[in-house]
Amino acid sequence: MAIAISSKDVMDLRRRTGLGMMECKQALTESDGDMDRAIDWLRKKGLARMESRADRVSGEGRVMAAVSPDRAKAAIVQVTAETDFVADSNEFKAMLKKVAAEALSQPPGDVQVTPVIQSAIDDVRLTTKENIQFHRGRVIGGTAGVRIGSYVHFTGKIGVLVEVAVAPGAIADDQLLSDLCMHVAAATPPPIAVSDEQIPAEVVQKERQVAKAQAVEQGKPEAIAEKMVEGKLRKFFEDHVLLKQAFIKDESKRIKDLLPKGVTIQSFVRYATGV
């Protein structure tokens, strides 16, 4: 029995892929109405745009970072609001600083909403009458031999932390940390891992399946299809692995080329409003 495809689902898929109504309806029909399967079906056909907005959420808000004086530990937080007007207010920004400072007192890992954080948010909710929520937060560092760079765009809509390990005798100066943070903030597409090994196996497998399906759809022989798959995977890693990305300020260099001997990137966090 055929599953009825609602116009709402078609419009949602269109919003997420940028494709026409007919392609979206066909994809949903072929996928029994499953949205994620429909996106995969479109990608395998070479139709869906790679910048699918499937993971995006609506809402305004701001990002804030707090860094310890020795740059060995840092926190980044994101708080959402209903309107940009409220998110851009001095009251909201002051609350963000309190939330980030409280987050910095926590151990490395995901930030937990403490009474201090909730109270700061509730105070602004009461005065603005908006549904303001703690969205997410992360603490990194806290161990010997690390330095952390931070960057928050003047709009407060994007923020980055980058953690590097510095061996004895090595130097990770402020300019290096600034360059790394600016790159992570501005790179398109944004990096999703520091190294190849940090990309989940299921993500790599999915990209392999999509690339293979695209090659088959084009009628390529098996041997040629396999070469195309490997080429697409190499490009995927170059696009999404931080160390392999071309540096935004000098595309003749890769990020790994910027690192002095004895300095390695341990981790990074990138938050942006609407995500």
Protein backbone atom coordinates (compact mmCIF):
# COMPACT_ATOMS: atom_id res chain seq x y z
CA MET A 1 0.00 0.00 0.00
CA ALA A 2 1.45 3.35 -1.04
CA ILE A 3 2.13 5.85 1.75
CA ALA A 4 0.45 9.23 1.36
CA ILE A 5 3.03 12.02 1.15
CA SER A 6 1.86 15.26 2.74
CA SER A 7 2.56 18.65 1.21
CA LYS A 8 4.14 19.65 4.53
CA ASP A 9 6.75 16.88 4.22
CA VAL A 10 7.44 17.86 0.62
CA MET A 11 7.95 21.50 1.62
CA ASP A 12 10.22 20.48 4.51
CA LEU A 13 12.39 18.37 2.22
CA ARG A 14 12.48 21.21 -0.31
CA ARG A 15 13.65 23.61 2.40
CA ARG A 16 16.36 21.20 3.49
CA THR A 17 17.70 20.38 0.02
CA GLY A 18 16.85 23.38 -2.15
CA LEU A 19 15.24 21.16 -4.80
CA GLY A 20 11.94 21.39 -6.61
CA MET A 21 8.58 20.04 -5.49
CA MET A 22 8.55 17.15 -7.96
CA GLU A 23 12.01 15.86 -7.03
CA CYS A 24 11.18 16.07 -3.32
CA LYS A 25 7.86 14.28 -3.71
CA GLN A 26 9.48 11.52 -5.75
CA ALA A 27 12.25 11.11 -3.17
CA LEU A 28 9.75 10.80 -0.33
CA THR A 29 7.67 8.34 -2.34
CA GLU A 30 10.73 6.20 -3.08
CA SER A 31 11.69 6.34 0.63
CA ASP A 32 8.26 5.54 2.08
CA GLY A 33 8.03 9.00 3.57
CA ASP A 34 11.27 8.73 5.58
CA MET A 35 12.95 12.15 5.48
CA ASP A 36 16.53 10.99 6.09
CA ARG A 37 16.22 8.18 3.55
CA ALA A 38 14.79 10.65 1.05
CA ILE A 39 17.80 12.93 1.44
CA ASP A 40 20.14 9.96 0.94
CA TRP A 41 18.14 8.92 -2.14
CA LEU A 42 18.52 12.40 -3.61
CA ARG A 43 22.23 12.49 -2.84
CA LYS A 44 22.75 9.14 -4.52
CA LYS A 45 21.01 10.56 -7.56
CA GLY A 46 23.40 13.49 -7.41
CA LEU A 47 20.55 15.91 -6.81
CA ALA A 48 20.62 17.07 -3.20
CA ARG A 49 22.92 19.91 -2.31
CA MET A 50 25.71 18.96 0.06
CA GLU A 51 24.90 21.90 2.29
CA SER A 52 21.61 20.29 3.35
CA ARG A 53 20.18 22.13 6.32
CA ALA A 54 18.82 18.97 7.90
CA ASP A 55 20.50 19.65 11.22
CA ARG A 56 19.68 23.32 11.48
CA VAL A 57 17.22 24.65 14.03
CA SER A 58 15.44 27.96 14.11
CA GLY A 59 15.94 30.62 16.78
CA GLU A 60 18.13 33.57 17.63
CA GLY A 61 20.81 33.70 20.27
CA ARG A 62 24.44 34.41 21.01
CA VAL A 63 27.71 32.60 21.74
CA MET A 64 30.20 33.51 24.47
CA ALA A 65 33.60 32.15 25.50
CA ALA A 66 35.60 32.39 28.72
CA VAL A 67 39.30 31.53 28.98
CA SER A 68 41.47 31.07 32.07
CA PRO A 69 44.33 33.61 32.54
CA ASP A 70 46.95 30.98 31.64
CA ARG A 71 44.99 29.89 28.53
CA ALA A 72 45.08 26.30 29.74
CA LYS A 73 41.30 25.95 30.06
CA ALA A 74 38.30 27.49 28.29
CA ALA A 75 34.53 27.29 28.05
CA ILE A 76 32.14 28.18 25.26
CA VAL A 77 28.35 28.47 25.63
CA GLN A 78 25.35 29.20 23.45
CA VAL A 79 22.06 30.62 24.74
CA THR A 80 19.02 31.02 22.50
CA ALA A 81 16.32 33.67 22.39
CA GLU A 82 13.19 34.26 20.34
CA THR A 83 14.30 37.51 18.71
CA ASP A 84 17.56 39.05 17.60
CA PHE A 85 16.50 42.27 19.34
CA VAL A 86 16.66 40.59 22.75
CA ALA A 87 19.78 38.56 21.90
CA ASP A 88 21.58 41.79 21.01
CA SER A 89 20.59 43.60 24.20
CA ASN A 90 23.12 44.54 26.89
CA GLU A 91 21.12 42.56 29.42
CA PHE A 92 21.40 39.39 27.35
CA LYS A 93 25.14 39.92 26.77
CA ALA A 94 25.76 40.45 30.49
CA MET A 95 23.88 37.23 31.23
CA LEU A 96 26.02 35.38 28.67
CA LYS A 97 29.21 36.49 30.42
CA LYS A 98 27.88 35.14 33.73
CA VAL A 99 26.95 31.83 32.10
CA ALA A 100 30.35 31.48 30.42
CA ALA A 101 32.21 32.32 33.64
CA GLU A 102 30.19 29.72 35.56
CA ALA A 103 30.84 27.17 32.81
CA LEU A 104 34.59 27.76 33.09
CA SER A 105 34.48 26.56 36.70
CA GLN A 106 33.29 23.14 35.55
CA PRO A 107 35.51 20.19 34.54
CA PRO A 108 36.20 19.45 30.85
CA GLY A 109 33.20 18.10 28.97
CA ASP A 110 29.66 19.22 28.31
CA VAL A 111 28.52 22.16 30.44
CA GLN A 112 25.92 21.31 33.06
CA VAL A 113 23.17 23.82 33.84
CA THR A 114 23.80 24.84 37.44
CA PRO A 115 21.52 26.97 39.65
CA VAL A 116 23.80 29.94 38.91
CA ILE A 117 23.37 29.48 35.15
CA GLN A 118 19.62 28.92 35.40
CA SER A 119 19.14 31.92 37.66
CA ALA A 120 21.03 34.22 35.28
CA ILE A 121 18.90 33.02 32.36
CA ASP A 122 15.63 33.22 34.32
CA ASP A 123 16.32 36.83 35.27
CA VAL A 124 16.46 37.81 31.60
CA ARG A 125 13.42 35.67 30.77
CA LEU A 126 11.38 37.52 33.37
CA THR A 127 12.31 40.96 32.12
CA THR A 128 12.09 40.26 28.37
CA LYS A 129 9.13 37.82 28.44
CA GLU A 130 10.97 35.68 25.88
CA ASN A 131 11.65 31.96 25.95
CA ILE A 132 15.39 32.10 26.57
CA GLN A 133 17.13 28.74 26.89
CA PHE A 134 20.59 27.35 27.54
CA HIS A 135 21.33 25.56 24.26
CA ARG A 136 24.76 23.95 24.76
CA GLY A 137 28.22 24.44 26.20
CA ARG A 138 31.63 22.80 26.27
CA VAL A 139 34.72 23.03 28.47
CA ILE A 140 38.12 22.01 27.07
CA GLY A 141 41.70 21.94 28.38
CA GLY A 142 42.53 21.76 32.04
CA THR A 143 45.66 19.64 31.60
CA ALA A 144 49.35 20.49 31.63
CA GLY A 145 51.04 21.48 28.40
CA VAL A 146 48.02 22.88 26.56
CA ARG A 147 47.13 26.34 25.29
CA ILE A 148 43.73 27.42 24.05
CA GLY A 149 42.83 30.05 21.52
CA SER A 150 39.40 31.66 21.44
CA TYR A 151 37.44 33.78 19.00
CA VAL A 152 33.93 35.22 19.13
CA HIS A 153 32.73 37.28 16.18
CA PHE A 154 31.68 40.83 17.06
CA THR A 155 28.06 39.87 16.33
CA GLY A 156 28.24 37.10 18.92
CA LYS A 157 26.76 34.69 16.39
CA ILE A 158 29.79 32.45 16.01
CA GLY A 159 32.47 31.38 18.46
CA VAL A 160 35.46 29.04 18.36
CA LEU A 161 37.88 27.39 20.78
CA VAL A 162 41.03 25.59 19.60
CA GLU A 163 43.16 23.53 21.99
CA VAL A 164 46.79 22.76 21.16
CA ALA A 165 49.30 20.59 23.02
CA VAL A 166 52.72 22.19 23.36
CA ALA A 167 55.77 20.00 23.95
CA PRO A 168 58.60 21.27 26.20
CA GLY A 169 60.62 23.84 24.31
CA ALA A 170 57.95 24.36 21.64
CA ILE A 171 56.00 27.59 21.20
CA ALA A 172 52.36 28.18 20.29
CA ASP A 173 52.13 31.97 20.18
CA ASP A 174 49.02 34.11 20.18
CA GLN A 175 49.19 34.67 16.41
CA LEU A 176 49.07 30.94 15.73
CA LEU A 177 46.11 30.48 18.06
CA SER A 178 44.33 33.44 16.44
CA ASP A 179 44.93 32.08 12.93
CA LEU A 180 43.63 28.64 13.88
CA CYS A 181 40.48 30.06 15.48
CA MET A 182 39.78 32.41 12.58
CA HIS A 183 40.17 29.53 10.14
CA VAL A 184 37.75 27.27 12.02
CA ALA A 185 35.25 30.12 12.19
CA ALA A 186 35.43 31.04 8.51
CA ALA A 187 36.23 27.78 6.70
CA THR A 188 33.62 26.52 4.22
CA PRO A 189 32.67 23.83 4.87
CA PRO A 190 33.52 24.01 8.58
CA PRO A 191 35.84 21.23 9.79
CA ILE A 192 34.20 18.32 11.59
CA ALA A 193 37.34 16.64 13.01
CA VAL A 194 41.00 17.36 13.62
CA SER A 195 42.27 14.22 11.83
CA ASP A 196 40.98 11.43 9.58
CA GLU A 197 40.82 9.06 12.53
CA GLN A 198 38.41 11.30 14.43
CA ILE A 199 35.71 11.10 11.76
CA PRO A 200 33.25 8.36 12.82
CA ALA A 201 33.43 5.18 10.75
CA GLU A 202 29.69 5.36 10.02
CA VAL A 203 30.11 8.83 8.48
CA VAL A 204 32.90 7.59 6.20
CA GLN A 205 30.87 4.53 5.25
CA LYS A 206 27.86 6.65 4.39
CA GLU A 207 29.97 8.92 2.17
CA ARG A 208 31.40 5.84 0.48
CA GLN A 209 27.92 4.47 -0.22
CA VAL A 210 26.71 7.79 -1.63
CA ALA A 211 29.78 8.12 -3.86
CA LYS A 212 29.38 4.55 -5.12
CA ALA A 213 25.69 5.08 -5.87
CA GLN A 214 26.47 8.27 -7.77
CA ALA A 215 29.06 6.46 -9.89
CA VAL A 216 26.64 3.61 -10.63
CA GLU A 217 23.91 6.10 -11.49
CA GLN A 218 26.26 7.58 -14.09
CA GLY A 219 26.74 4.12 -15.61
CA LYS A 220 30.44 3.83 -14.77
CA PRO A 221 32.14 0.39 -14.95
CA GLU A 222 32.97 -1.21 -11.58
CA ALA A 223 36.70 -0.46 -11.77
CA ILE A 224 36.11 3.18 -12.70
CA ALA A 225 33.39 3.48 -10.05
CA GLU A 226 35.81 2.33 -7.33
CA LYS A 227 38.41 4.89 -8.41
CA MET A 228 35.73 7.59 -8.37
CA VAL A 229 34.71 6.56 -4.86
CA GLU A 230 38.28 6.79 -3.56
CA GLY A 231 38.70 10.17 -5.20
CA LYS A 232 35.50 11.49 -3.64
CA LEU A 233 36.56 10.20 -0.22
CA ARG A 234 39.94 11.94 -0.51
CA LYS A 235 38.10 15.15 -1.35
CA PHE A 236 35.73 14.60 1.58
CA PHE A 237 38.65 14.34 4.01
CA GLU A 238 40.38 17.38 2.49
CA ASP A 239 37.18 19.38 2.89
CA HIS A 240 36.23 18.29 6.41
CA VAL A 241 39.44 17.37 8.29
CA LEU A 242 40.98 20.43 9.93
CA LEU A 243 44.62 19.44 9.43
CA LYS A 244 44.04 18.88 5.70
CA GLN A 245 42.04 22.02 4.98
CA ALA A 246 43.58 24.83 2.94
CA PHE A 247 44.34 27.78 5.24
CA ILE A 248 41.85 30.58 4.60
CA LYS A 249 44.55 33.29 4.66
CA ASP A 250 46.92 31.39 2.34
CA GLU A 251 45.41 28.53 0.36
CA SER A 252 48.85 27.31 -0.69
CA LYS A 253 49.23 26.01 2.88
CA ARG A 254 47.36 23.33 4.78
CA ILE A 255 46.54 23.83 8.45
CA LYS A 256 49.08 21.14 9.36
CA ASP A 257 51.76 23.32 7.71
CA LEU A 258 51.12 26.13 10.21
CA LEU A 259 52.03 24.05 13.25
CA PRO A 260 55.55 24.49 14.65
CA LYS A 261 57.48 21.39 15.67
CA GLY A 262 56.14 20.10 18.97
CA VAL A 263 52.70 21.70 18.61
CA THR A 264 49.64 19.56 17.84
CA ILE A 265 45.96 20.39 17.67
CA GLN A 266 44.08 18.42 20.31
CA SER A 267 40.51 19.59 19.77
CA PHE A 268 38.30 22.44 18.67
CA VAL A 269 34.74 23.62 19.29
CA ARG A 270 32.75 25.73 16.85
CA TYR A 271 29.33 27.13 17.80
CA ALA A 272 27.10 29.21 15.55
CA THR A 273 23.59 30.52 16.07
CA GLY A 274 20.90 28.63 14.21
CA VAL A 275 22.76 25.34 14.68
